[in-house]
C-alpha atoms as a PDB file:
ATOM      1  CA  MET A   1       0.000   0.000   0.000  1.00  0.00           C
ATOM      2  CA  ALA A   2       3.020   2.319   0.268  1.00  0.00           C
ATOM      3  CA  LEU A   3       6.369   2.893  -1.407  1.00  0.00           C
ATOM      4  CA  GLU A   4       8.543   2.158   1.590  1.00  0.00           C
ATOM      5  CA  VAL A   5       9.823  -1.051   3.112  1.00  0.00           C
ATOM      6  CA  MET A   6      10.280  -0.753   6.854  1.00  0.00           C
ATOM      7  CA  PRO A   7      12.912  -0.911   8.150  1.00  0.00           C
ATOM      8  CA  GLY A   8      14.856   0.411   5.177  1.00  0.00           C
ATOM      9  CA  GLU A   9      18.382  -0.493   4.093  1.00  0.00           C
ATOM     10  CA  GLU A  10      19.738   2.409   6.151  1.00  0.00           C
ATOM     11  CA  ALA A  11      18.108   2.202   9.590  1.00  0.00           C
ATOM     12  CA  HIS A  12      19.048   5.812  10.457  1.00  0.00           C
ATOM     13  CA  ARG A  13      17.246   7.236   7.390  1.00  0.00           C
ATOM     14  CA  GLY A  14      13.458   7.156   7.679  1.00  0.00           C
ATOM     15  CA  PHE A  15      11.364   6.894   4.522  1.00  0.00           C
ATOM     16  CA  PRO A  16      14.240   7.119   2.001  1.00  0.00           C
ATOM     17  CA  VAL A  17      12.024   6.800  -1.098  1.00  0.00           C
ATOM     18  CA  HIS A  18       9.841   9.688   0.062  1.00  0.00           C
ATOM     19  CA  GLN A  19      12.936  11.775   0.817  1.00  0.00           C
ATOM     20  CA  HIS A  20      14.480  11.042  -2.583  1.00  0.00           C
ATOM     21  CA  LEU A  21      11.350  11.702  -4.635  1.00  0.00           C
ATOM     22  CA  LEU A  22       9.870  14.646  -2.723  1.00  0.00           C
ATOM     23  CA  VAL A  23      12.880  16.470  -1.313  1.00  0.00           C
ATOM     24  CA  GLU A  24      15.696  15.641  -3.715  1.00  0.00           C
ATOM     25  CA  LYS A  25      13.760  15.407  -7.014  1.00  0.00           C
ATOM     26  CA  GLY A  26      10.585  17.441  -6.370  1.00  0.00           C
ATOM     27  CA  ILE A  27       8.353  14.568  -7.526  1.00  0.00           C
ATOM     28  CA  TYR A  28       4.971  14.231  -5.831  1.00  0.00           C
ATOM     29  CA  ILE A  29       3.809  10.776  -4.740  1.00  0.00           C
ATOM     30  CA  ILE A  30       0.259   9.550  -5.302  1.00  0.00           C
ATOM     31  CA  GLU A  31      -0.416   6.195  -3.654  1.00  0.00           C
ATOM     32  CA  ASN A  32      -3.334   3.780  -4.044  1.00  0.00           C
ATOM     33  CA  LEU A  33      -4.857   4.913  -7.342  1.00  0.00           C
ATOM     34  CA  LYS A  34      -7.407   2.476  -8.755  1.00  0.00           C
ATOM     35  CA  LEU A  35      -6.495   2.227 -12.447  1.00  0.00           C
ATOM     36  CA  GLY A  36      -7.649  -1.306 -13.256  1.00  0.00           C
ATOM     37  CA  GLU A  37     -10.842  -0.392 -15.118  1.00  0.00           C
ATOM     38  CA  PRO A  38      -9.335   2.063 -17.628  1.00  0.00           C
ATOM     39  CA  CYS A  39      -6.459  -0.348 -18.337  1.00  0.00           C
ATOM     40  CA  VAL A  40      -8.839  -3.254 -18.987  1.00  0.00           C
ATOM     41  CA  ASP A  41     -10.624  -1.033 -21.511  1.00  0.00           C
ATOM     42  CA  GLY A  42      -7.294  -0.296 -23.241  1.00  0.00           C
ATOM     43  CA  VAL A  43      -7.063   3.289 -21.955  1.00  0.00           C
ATOM     44  CA  TYR A  44      -3.457   4.004 -20.979  1.00  0.00           C
ATOM     45  CA  GLU A  45      -3.286   7.767 -21.542  1.00  0.00           C
ATOM     46  CA  PHE A  46      -5.826  10.373 -20.466  1.00  0.00           C
ATOM     47  CA  PRO A  47      -6.043  13.889 -19.037  1.00  0.00           C
ATOM     48  CA  PHE A  48      -5.455  13.708 -15.296  1.00  0.00           C
ATOM     49  CA  ILE A  49      -6.637  16.276 -12.756  1.00  0.00           C
ATOM     50  CA  LEU A  50      -5.598  16.150  -9.114  1.00  0.00           C
ATOM     51  CA  LEU A  51      -7.612  18.089  -6.554  1.00  0.00           C
ATOM     52  CA  PRO A  52      -5.748  18.296  -3.232  1.00  0.00           C
ATOM     53  CA  THR A  53      -7.305  19.175   0.089  1.00  0.00           C
ATOM     54  CA  LYS A  54      -5.591  22.275   1.458  1.00  0.00           C
ATOM     55  CA  TYR A  55      -4.202  22.002   4.974  1.00  0.00           C
ATOM     56  CA  LYS A  56      -2.101  24.784   6.455  1.00  0.00           C
ATOM     57  CA  GLY A  57       1.345  23.529   7.471  1.00  0.00           C
ATOM     58  CA  ALA A  58       0.739  19.945   6.320  1.00  0.00           C
ATOM     59  CA  THR A  59       3.232  17.773   4.448  1.00  0.00           C
ATOM     60  CA  ALA A  60       0.584  15.460   2.966  1.00  0.00           C
ATOM     61  CA  CYS A  61      -3.128  15.420   2.251  1.00  0.00           C
ATOM     62  CA  PRO A  62      -5.934  13.349   0.791  1.00  0.00           C
ATOM     63  CA  VAL A  63      -6.629  14.088  -2.871  1.00  0.00           C
ATOM     64  CA  ARG A  64      -9.433  13.605  -5.360  1.00  0.00           C
ATOM     65  CA  PRO A  65      -7.943  12.224  -8.599  1.00  0.00           C
ATOM     66  CA  ILE A  66      -9.971  12.686 -11.790  1.00  0.00           C
ATOM     67  CA  GLY A  67      -9.180  10.887 -15.032  1.00  0.00           C
ATOM     68  CA  LEU A  68     -11.022  12.054 -18.133  1.00  0.00           C
ATOM     69  CA  VAL A  69     -11.534   8.904 -20.181  1.00  0.00           C
END
């Protein structure tokens, strides 16, 4: 359900994949998308809209993903 394996290879570094993607590369992580139905129908590319919930001072939030297929 998540990107990380706990404990990681380096016990002193918590959540190394999150640190690498978010902090070092500026890549956002979206976990647990349900994409089975579009793929079964042969849809592999589509406009994607992501509506985040705004929380002041937060480092993560629930989102509403929208795929226009």
